[in-house]
Structure formats: C-alpha cells, structure tokens
Amino acid sequence: MTRQPEKRQIAFLDLPAQQARLGGSIQKRVDAVMAHCRFVLGPEVQELEQRLAAFGGAKHAIGVASGTDALLMVLMGEEIGPGDAVFLPAFTYTATAEVVLLLGGTPVFVDVDPQTFQISLASLKDRLEAVREAGDLEPRAVIGVDLFGQPAPWDELKSWATAEGLTLIADCAQSFGASYRGRRLGHEAKATTLSFFPSKPLGGYGDGGAILTDDDDLAALYHSLRTHGEGRTRYEVERIGINGRLDTLQAAVLLAKLDVFEGELKRRDAIAASYDAEMPAGIVPPARVPDSESAWAIYSVLLPDAAKRDALQSFLKDAGIPTAVYYPKPLHYQPAYAPHHDGASLPVAEGLGARVLALPIHPELTDEDVRHIIEALNRWAGEQA
C-alpha cells in the first residue's frame, strides 16, 4: 500500500500571508495616493522609477502598465514590423513572442540549454544562418529571457549580437533582483523589460511593468510611447503610441514591497538551497547559470519522463503541496505560433514540457513548510526505488 505523507496544505503563492505581513506599510503608501488623488503618473511613479533604476544599475526606468507593454514599446522603439525577424527562446511565456506578431514582425524560435533552460547560443547561430539562407526576413533583434529567476548568458549574447548587427533586448520579467557576474540585472541589453505581475518576485496588486535603459534618447522615446506618443505637451502627438502608463496606486504598492525586497530575495535563495541540499535521486534540481545569483521566481525540477512527473505531481497534491508546470508546450507548438514557425526542430524545448515541475518557493513559506515538502519528495522517491 502506498504510504502518503502527512497532510499539510501549503500555498503555491501566498499573497494573503504577504498582505498580512506588509499590509500596514502598503496601506500608508496607498493612503498617501488617496490623499493627493494623482492616480495617473503621480509622484509615487517617479519615486519608484528612480529606485528601480538604482536597484538595477540603469540610468533610467520608465514605469508602464505591464511587462507585455514594456516589451511592445521596446519593439516599437526599434520600429519592428513586417519582414523583420526577432529571435527568442521557444521555452518561455507567450508575451515574449506575441508582441512581435502584434507589430507584424516574425518571431524566430530558438532552442534552449538543456541544463539551465536559458536561450542556446549554438541554436541562435543555427537559426540566424537559416533565416539568412532563406532570405525572406531581415534579422533585426534577439530577445534574451531571464527565465525562472536566473539570467541569460548575457556576455556571450552581447558579443554575438554585436558581431551580427542585431539589437539585443532583455526580457527580465521573471528575474528582477538576480545578478550576473556581479552585476544586478537591469542594464545587460539596450533595454530591459520588467513585469510586476503579482506572482513575480517583486509583484504588485495587479498588472504593472517597467523599462530600464541607459540611453537618454530611448528613455524619452519610451516616455512618449507610453502616453499615446505625446510630445512636449499633452496634445502634441509626435508618433503613434499606446496607453501604457503605470498606475500610481500600483507604484505605491511596489514602493512598499521594494522596501523589503532584498530580504525576500534572501529568503527565496535559502529555500532553494534547502531544496538543493536534500533533493532525492531521480529528481534533478535546477542547474545554476554560472557566476550568477537567482531571484528564484520559479524553482523547477526535472523528472525522467512525463509519467514520473505526473505521478510526483499527484503525490504532492495528495500531501497538500501544490505544484505547477512551466511550460507544458513550447511556443512553436502553440496554435497561435505554429503557422509562423519554419518547421525547424527544437528538441530541448520540445522535451522539457513533459519533464518540468515547479515547487512552491516564496517568502511566506515557513521552515516547517519547506521541511514538509522535502520529506514528501524523499518519501515519493523512496517508494520509486
């Protein structure tokens, strides 16, 4: 008879507990907004932008309505459109690719590293060569995604993109707070996009995002694009833009959370270290990108195959431990993107969806919660032996 671990209900993302811990400081920030009533681009937005830029080591930060809007505006700034190829990993969230198609460009899907899941430079080289040989598209840009909290291989990407004449863009939606070779993520590319969706390490109470850049002209352009393309005055329209502003109330929430962000990153890292130290044989913990520190948005283990993954997921569910699969299907297999894919095989991205399983990792997990998860993992592994 299968022996189940002790039942204990754990949250995959515990926003109520976070609210209980931070509610007082958040309420003070929100009350200040309610007092001055500048709900659109109020002073909290400018304060947040200054602090985000300083945290990420960038010269400028531009608060926007979502991480998707951030990506969209960066591509608009590069004038991506029909006939343009934008290279991006096939194993990531849909937002990275959809903005390319929204502007009429073509996403060129690239395979990922089998250990770190970050974009593969070898696959990038192959995919660029294939696009140039076909001759139908003009290679314009590459989007490196800092996946699951870890950084993409930025130094290698920068050298390659510069040599090939491609614009390098950073999608840091999941990884703000991570470091790469001693540098906080935020200025590895021409522009870095952030998301403050509630599940992110720095999450708001709704949608929100930002763009980081060291370029003065680009910063001015993004400010214009987020507000309908306005110029020096509200009713001077210099270009086609969008309504992509960050709400003041979201900025207020994020400012309160930014006050404790460093501590939360340390807690996430401590949980990841505990998982690593006691992960049983047969379950592969996340490989680390060399010379980096993760923000641990997602802690995703690897199982040998889909049957083992599904069995472990079911076992943990019965033990009150929720899990998630990021991502069950690579982007070029999705109905929205399959017609735009050239048919190239991307074997790593195509195989990961059947093997990945994300465990809970957030600052509200107690030591007892973590111990319960580890014991359940080991109990399941023992039963498989």
Protein backbone atom coordinates (compact mmCIF):
# COMPACT_ATOMS: atom_id res chain seq x y z
CA MET A 1 0.00 0.00 0.00
CA THR A 2 1.31 3.47 -0.91
CA ARG A 3 2.04 5.45 2.24
CA GLN A 4 1.13 9.11 1.86
CA PRO A 5 2.95 11.88 3.70
CA GLU A 6 1.28 13.84 6.45
CA LYS A 7 -1.40 16.18 5.07
CA ARG A 8 -0.47 19.85 5.32
CA GLN A 9 -1.94 22.48 2.99
CA ILE A 10 0.72 24.72 1.51
CA ALA A 11 0.14 27.66 -0.83
CA PHE A 12 1.98 27.80 -4.14
CA LEU A 13 1.81 31.61 -3.91
CA ASP A 14 0.63 33.04 -0.59
CA LEU A 15 -0.50 36.59 -1.32
CA PRO A 16 -2.85 36.73 1.71
CA ALA A 17 0.08 35.98 4.03
CA GLN A 18 2.20 38.59 2.30
CA GLN A 19 -0.61 41.11 2.68
CA ALA A 20 -0.88 40.28 6.38
CA ARG A 21 2.86 40.89 6.77
CA LEU A 22 3.12 44.06 4.68
CA GLY A 23 -0.42 45.43 4.87
CA GLY A 24 0.41 48.30 7.22
CA SER A 25 3.21 49.73 5.10
CA ILE A 26 1.24 49.22 1.90
CA GLN A 27 -1.79 50.95 3.38
CA LYS A 28 0.29 54.02 4.30
CA ARG A 29 1.50 54.28 0.74
CA VAL A 30 -2.00 53.82 -0.68
CA ASP A 31 -3.46 56.36 1.76
CA ALA A 32 -0.98 58.94 0.51
CA VAL A 33 -2.22 58.40 -3.05
CA MET A 34 -5.83 58.68 -1.93
CA ALA A 35 -4.96 61.98 -0.26
CA HIS A 36 -3.33 63.65 -3.27
CA CYS A 37 -5.55 61.91 -5.89
CA ARG A 38 -2.94 61.95 -8.65
CA PHE A 39 -3.88 58.49 -9.83
CA VAL A 40 -2.12 58.74 -13.19
CA LEU A 41 1.67 59.37 -13.14
CA GLY A 42 1.58 60.67 -9.58
CA PRO A 43 4.74 61.27 -7.52
CA GLU A 44 4.95 57.61 -6.47
CA VAL A 45 5.58 56.64 -10.09
CA GLN A 46 8.60 58.92 -10.32
CA GLU A 47 9.88 57.71 -6.94
CA LEU A 48 9.53 54.10 -7.99
CA GLU A 49 11.28 54.76 -11.30
CA GLN A 50 14.26 56.28 -9.52
CA ARG A 51 14.52 53.35 -7.11
CA LEU A 52 14.12 50.72 -9.82
CA ALA A 53 16.86 52.31 -11.91
CA ALA A 54 19.19 52.45 -8.92
CA PHE A 55 18.44 48.84 -7.96
CA GLY A 56 19.04 47.56 -11.48
CA GLY A 57 22.08 49.73 -12.12
CA ALA A 58 20.43 51.54 -15.04
CA LYS A 59 20.31 55.24 -15.79
CA HIS A 60 16.58 55.35 -16.48
CA ALA A 61 13.43 53.45 -15.52
CA ILE A 62 10.07 54.06 -17.17
CA GLY A 63 7.02 52.66 -15.39
CA VAL A 64 4.46 51.05 -17.69
CA ALA A 65 1.18 49.19 -17.44
CA SER A 66 2.53 45.63 -17.80
CA GLY A 67 5.53 43.59 -18.74
CA THR A 68 3.90 42.92 -22.10
CA ASP A 69 3.52 46.66 -22.75
CA ALA A 70 7.17 47.08 -21.83
CA LEU A 71 8.21 44.57 -24.49
CA LEU A 72 5.81 46.06 -27.00
CA MET A 73 7.13 49.60 -26.53
CA VAL A 74 10.75 48.49 -26.80
CA LEU A 75 9.99 46.79 -30.13
CA MET A 76 8.00 49.83 -31.26
CA GLY A 77 11.06 51.92 -30.47
CA GLU A 78 13.10 49.65 -32.76
CA GLU A 79 10.42 50.01 -35.47
CA ILE A 80 9.96 46.26 -35.73
CA GLY A 81 7.42 45.44 -38.41
CA PRO A 82 6.59 43.24 -41.40
CA GLY A 83 9.57 41.40 -42.80
CA ASP A 84 11.59 41.66 -39.59
CA ALA A 85 12.87 38.60 -37.73
CA VAL A 86 13.13 38.69 -33.95
CA PHE A 87 14.90 35.73 -32.34
CA LEU A 88 13.65 34.46 -28.97
CA PRO A 89 13.57 31.24 -26.93
CA ALA A 90 10.82 28.74 -27.64
CA PHE A 91 10.61 27.79 -23.96
CA THR A 92 9.13 30.87 -22.31
CA TYR A 93 5.84 32.69 -21.72
CA THR A 94 3.74 33.83 -24.66
CA ALA A 95 4.21 37.58 -24.08
CA THR A 96 7.76 37.47 -25.42
CA ALA A 97 6.54 36.27 -28.81
CA GLU A 98 3.12 37.85 -29.12
CA VAL A 99 4.43 41.41 -29.16
CA VAL A 100 6.49 40.60 -32.25
CA LEU A 101 3.41 39.40 -34.13
CA LEU A 102 1.32 42.31 -32.89
CA LEU A 103 3.73 44.62 -34.74
CA GLY A 104 3.73 42.48 -37.88
CA GLY A 105 7.17 41.00 -37.30
CA THR A 106 8.07 37.32 -37.27
CA PRO A 107 9.24 35.53 -34.12
CA VAL A 108 12.05 33.08 -34.87
CA PHE A 109 12.01 30.43 -32.17
CA VAL A 110 15.32 29.25 -30.72
CA ASP A 111 16.15 26.19 -28.65
CA VAL A 112 17.34 26.41 -25.05
CA ASP A 113 20.15 24.98 -22.96
CA PRO A 114 19.19 21.53 -21.58
CA GLN A 115 20.53 22.32 -18.10
CA THR A 116 19.71 25.99 -17.44
CA PHE A 117 16.76 26.35 -19.89
CA GLN A 118 18.21 29.71 -20.99
CA ILE A 119 18.47 30.58 -24.68
CA SER A 120 21.10 28.49 -26.50
CA LEU A 121 23.80 30.44 -28.29
CA ALA A 122 24.52 27.45 -30.53
CA SER A 123 20.87 27.29 -31.58
CA LEU A 124 20.84 31.06 -32.12
CA LYS A 125 23.71 30.77 -34.56
CA ASP A 126 21.94 27.99 -36.46
CA ARG A 127 18.64 29.83 -36.56
CA LEU A 128 20.25 33.06 -37.79
CA GLU A 129 22.04 31.17 -40.56
CA ALA A 130 18.76 29.51 -41.60
CA VAL A 131 16.94 32.86 -41.76
CA ARG A 132 19.70 34.42 -43.84
CA GLU A 133 19.79 31.46 -46.20
CA ALA A 134 16.01 31.60 -46.70
CA GLY A 135 16.25 35.30 -47.48
CA ASP A 136 12.61 36.11 -46.67
CA LEU A 137 13.20 38.04 -43.46
CA GLU A 138 15.62 40.66 -42.24
CA PRO A 139 17.23 39.69 -38.91
CA ARG A 140 16.70 42.64 -36.58
CA ALA A 141 16.75 41.72 -32.90
CA VAL A 142 17.20 39.00 -30.31
CA ILE A 143 15.29 38.86 -27.02
CA GLY A 144 17.15 37.15 -24.20
CA VAL A 145 14.80 35.90 -21.49
CA ASP A 146 15.98 35.67 -17.88
CA LEU A 147 13.97 32.54 -17.23
CA PHE A 148 12.63 31.38 -13.84
CA GLY A 149 14.71 33.95 -11.94
CA GLN A 150 18.09 33.16 -13.49
CA PRO A 151 19.99 35.31 -16.01
CA ALA A 152 20.52 34.54 -19.66
CA PRO A 153 24.20 34.23 -20.78
CA TRP A 154 24.48 37.97 -21.34
CA ASP A 155 28.17 38.44 -22.05
CA GLU A 156 28.08 35.81 -24.78
CA LEU A 157 24.81 37.17 -26.16
CA LYS A 158 26.19 40.72 -26.29
CA SER A 159 29.32 39.67 -28.15
CA TRP A 160 27.33 37.62 -30.64
CA ALA A 161 24.58 40.21 -31.22
CA THR A 162 27.13 42.99 -31.73
CA ALA A 163 29.09 40.91 -34.23
CA GLU A 164 25.91 40.05 -36.15
CA GLY A 165 24.45 43.56 -36.09
CA LEU A 166 21.37 42.62 -34.08
CA THR A 167 19.67 44.67 -31.37
CA LEU A 168 19.76 42.90 -28.00
CA ILE A 169 16.72 43.19 -25.72
CA ALA A 170 16.35 41.72 -22.22
CA ASP A 171 13.07 40.22 -21.04
CA CYS A 172 13.66 40.26 -17.28
CA ALA A 173 10.00 39.76 -16.34
CA GLN A 174 10.78 36.82 -14.04
CA SER A 175 14.20 37.77 -12.76
CA PHE A 176 14.44 41.30 -11.41
CA GLY A 177 16.70 41.04 -8.38
CA ALA A 178 19.00 38.43 -9.93
CA SER A 179 22.69 39.08 -10.56
CA TYR A 180 25.03 38.08 -13.38
CA ARG A 181 28.79 38.10 -12.91
CA GLY A 182 28.46 40.52 -10.02
CA ARG A 183 26.00 42.83 -11.79
CA ARG A 184 22.32 43.25 -10.94
CA LEU A 185 20.16 42.56 -13.96
CA GLY A 186 18.92 45.81 -15.48
CA HIS A 187 21.50 47.02 -17.97
CA GLU A 188 22.75 44.00 -19.89
CA ALA A 189 20.95 44.98 -23.09
CA LYS A 190 19.87 48.07 -24.96
CA ALA A 191 16.62 47.90 -23.00
CA THR A 192 15.47 45.64 -20.16
CA THR A 193 11.78 44.94 -19.57
CA LEU A 194 10.27 44.10 -16.17
CA SER A 195 6.93 42.71 -15.02
CA PHE A 196 5.25 43.32 -11.68
CA PHE A 197 2.51 40.72 -12.09
CA PRO A 198 1.58 39.51 -8.58
CA SER A 199 3.43 36.21 -8.91
CA LYS A 200 6.76 37.86 -9.73
CA PRO A 201 9.46 38.26 -7.05
CA LEU A 202 8.59 41.98 -6.98
CA GLY A 203 4.86 41.83 -7.62
CA GLY A 204 2.14 44.43 -7.45
CA TYR A 205 -1.57 44.16 -6.78
CA GLY A 206 -2.41 43.85 -10.46
CA ASP A 207 -0.56 44.39 -13.70
CA GLY A 208 2.48 46.63 -13.98
CA GLY A 209 5.90 46.78 -15.59
CA ALA A 210 8.90 48.94 -16.39
CA ILE A 211 11.63 49.51 -18.96
CA LEU A 212 15.23 50.07 -17.88
CA THR A 213 17.77 51.70 -20.19
CA ASP A 214 21.00 53.70 -20.08
CA ASP A 215 20.11 55.58 -23.29
CA ASP A 216 18.75 59.11 -22.77
CA ASP A 217 17.05 59.24 -26.17
CA LEU A 218 15.41 55.86 -25.72
CA ALA A 219 14.14 56.86 -22.28
CA ALA A 220 12.50 59.94 -23.80
CA LEU A 221 11.02 57.79 -26.57
CA TYR A 222 9.54 55.27 -24.11
CA HIS A 223 8.03 58.10 -22.06
CA SER A 224 6.33 59.28 -25.22
CA LEU A 225 5.20 55.85 -26.36
CA ARG A 226 3.57 55.01 -23.02
CA THR A 227 1.39 58.13 -23.25
CA HIS A 228 -0.13 57.97 -26.74
CA GLY A 229 3.03 59.23 -28.42
CA GLU A 230 2.75 62.70 -26.89
CA GLY A 231 5.44 65.33 -27.38
CA ARG A 232 6.28 68.36 -25.28
CA THR A 233 2.63 68.90 -24.38
CA ARG A 234 -0.29 66.55 -23.83
CA TYR A 235 -1.95 67.40 -27.14
CA GLU A 236 1.16 67.37 -29.29
CA VAL A 237 1.25 63.90 -30.87
CA GLU A 238 4.68 63.12 -32.30
CA ARG A 239 4.23 59.41 -33.00
CA ILE A 240 1.83 56.51 -32.64
CA GLY A 241 1.91 55.28 -29.05
CA ILE A 242 -0.27 53.39 -26.62
CA ASN A 243 -1.93 53.96 -23.27
CA GLY A 244 0.73 52.10 -21.30
CA ARG A 245 1.21 54.08 -18.10
CA LEU A 246 1.80 52.55 -14.68
CA ASP A 247 -0.98 53.45 -12.25
CA THR A 248 0.06 55.46 -9.22
CA LEU A 249 -1.65 53.01 -6.88
CA GLN A 250 0.45 50.16 -8.27
CA ALA A 251 3.58 52.25 -7.83
CA ALA A 252 2.61 52.85 -4.20
CA VAL A 253 2.23 49.11 -3.55
CA LEU A 254 5.53 48.37 -5.26
CA LEU A 255 7.36 51.00 -3.24
CA ALA A 256 6.27 49.32 -0.01
CA LYS A 257 7.33 45.94 -1.34
CA LEU A 258 10.64 47.27 -2.61
CA ASP A 259 11.49 48.22 0.98
CA VAL A 260 11.65 44.51 1.90
CA PHE A 261 12.69 43.11 -1.47
CA GLU A 262 16.29 42.31 -0.54
CA GLY A 263 15.15 40.28 2.44
CA GLU A 264 12.62 38.38 0.36
CA LEU A 265 15.28 37.53 -2.23
CA LYS A 266 17.46 36.10 0.54
CA ARG A 267 14.56 34.00 1.82
CA ARG A 268 13.87 32.63 -1.65
CA ASP A 269 17.54 31.74 -2.01
CA ALA A 270 17.57 30.00 1.37
CA ILE A 271 14.56 27.88 0.37
CA ALA A 272 16.23 26.95 -2.92
CA ALA A 273 19.38 25.95 -1.03
CA SER A 274 17.33 23.73 1.29
CA TYR A 275 15.66 22.02 -1.66
CA ASP A 276 19.03 21.52 -3.35
CA ALA A 277 20.67 20.02 -0.28
CA GLU A 278 18.09 17.28 0.21
CA MET A 279 16.72 16.62 -3.28
CA PRO A 280 16.47 12.86 -3.69
CA ALA A 281 17.97 10.88 -6.53
CA GLY A 282 15.75 10.78 -9.60
CA ILE A 283 14.61 14.39 -9.21
CA VAL A 284 17.03 16.87 -10.76
CA PRO A 285 17.21 20.31 -9.07
CA PRO A 286 17.61 23.44 -11.21
CA ALA A 287 21.05 23.90 -12.73
CA ARG A 288 22.61 27.26 -11.93
CA VAL A 289 23.73 29.70 -14.58
CA PRO A 290 27.48 30.04 -13.85
CA ASP A 291 28.60 33.06 -11.83
CA SER A 292 25.09 34.25 -11.06
CA GLU A 293 22.53 34.70 -8.29
CA SER A 294 18.92 33.80 -8.98
CA ALA A 295 15.81 35.73 -7.95
CA TRP A 296 14.03 32.34 -7.72
CA ALA A 297 10.74 33.30 -9.29
CA ILE A 298 10.30 29.60 -10.07
CA TYR A 299 12.08 26.52 -8.72
CA SER A 300 11.53 23.90 -11.41
CA VAL A 301 12.88 20.37 -11.07
CA LEU A 302 13.27 17.78 -13.83
CA LEU A 303 11.84 14.27 -13.84
CA PRO A 304 12.90 11.48 -16.20
CA ASP A 305 9.66 11.50 -18.18
CA ALA A 306 6.04 12.62 -18.21
CA ALA A 307 4.79 9.58 -16.32
CA LYS A 308 7.17 10.17 -13.41
CA ARG A 309 6.41 13.91 -13.41
CA ASP A 310 2.67 13.35 -13.35
CA ALA A 311 2.98 10.74 -10.62
CA LEU A 312 5.02 13.06 -8.42
CA GLN A 313 2.63 15.94 -9.04
CA SER A 314 -0.31 13.77 -7.99
CA PHE A 315 1.52 12.50 -4.90
CA LEU A 316 2.39 16.01 -3.77
CA LYS A 317 -1.16 17.21 -4.37
CA ASP A 318 -2.44 14.49 -2.04
CA ALA A 319 0.04 15.76 0.54
CA GLY A 320 -1.33 19.31 0.29
CA ILE A 321 1.62 20.55 -1.77
CA PRO A 322 0.66 22.41 -4.95
CA THR A 323 2.91 22.42 -7.99
CA ALA A 324 2.84 23.92 -11.48
CA VAL A 325 4.17 23.15 -14.93
CA TYR A 326 6.07 25.97 -16.65
CA TYR A 327 5.61 25.37 -19.56
CA PRO A 328 3.64 22.35 -20.84
CA LYS A 329 4.18 23.21 -24.51
CA PRO A 330 6.91 25.22 -26.31
CA LEU A 331 5.74 28.32 -28.12
CA HIS A 332 6.26 26.99 -31.65
CA TYR A 333 3.80 24.16 -30.83
CA GLN A 334 1.10 26.62 -29.75
CA PRO A 335 -1.75 27.13 -32.25
CA ALA A 336 -1.13 30.89 -32.37
CA TYR A 337 2.53 30.50 -33.33
CA ALA A 338 2.74 27.23 -35.27
CA PRO A 339 1.76 28.88 -38.58
CA HIS A 340 4.66 31.32 -38.18
CA HIS A 341 7.29 28.67 -37.40
CA ASP A 342 9.56 27.42 -40.18
CA GLY A 343 9.34 23.82 -39.05
CA ALA A 344 12.81 23.62 -37.51
CA SER A 345 13.16 21.04 -34.75
CA LEU A 346 13.98 22.45 -31.31
CA PRO A 347 14.44 19.22 -29.36
CA VAL A 348 15.29 20.57 -25.92
CA ALA A 349 12.33 22.97 -25.76
CA GLU A 350 10.08 20.28 -27.19
CA GLY A 351 11.04 17.80 -24.48
CA LEU A 352 11.06 19.97 -21.39
CA GLY A 353 7.29 20.37 -21.10
CA ALA A 354 6.85 16.72 -20.22
CA ARG A 355 9.52 16.71 -17.51
CA VAL A 356 9.42 20.03 -15.61
CA LEU A 357 7.65 20.55 -12.30
CA ALA A 358 7.75 23.74 -10.22
CA LEU A 359 7.74 23.52 -6.43
CA PRO A 360 6.47 26.29 -4.11
CA ILE A 361 9.06 28.98 -3.50
CA HIS A 362 8.04 32.26 -1.89
CA PRO A 363 9.00 34.27 1.22
CA GLU A 364 5.94 33.19 3.20
CA LEU A 365 6.98 29.53 3.30
CA THR A 366 7.95 28.57 6.85
CA ASP A 367 10.81 26.26 7.71
CA GLU A 368 8.15 23.68 8.61
CA ASP A 369 6.56 24.06 5.17
CA VAL A 370 9.90 23.55 3.46
CA ARG A 371 10.66 20.52 5.64
CA HIS A 372 7.25 19.03 4.77
CA ILE A 373 7.91 19.46 1.03
CA ILE A 374 11.38 17.92 1.26
CA GLU A 375 10.12 14.97 3.28
CA ALA A 376 7.32 14.37 0.76
CA LEU A 377 9.81 14.43 -2.13
CA ASN A 378 12.03 11.95 -0.40
CA ARG A 379 9.15 9.69 0.58
CA TRP A 380 7.96 9.57 -3.03
CA ALA A 381 11.48 8.88 -4.31
CA GLY A 382 11.87 6.10 -1.75
CA GLU A 383 8.71 4.42 -2.98
CA GLN A 384 10.02 4.54 -6.55
CA ALA A 385 13.27 2.76 -5.66
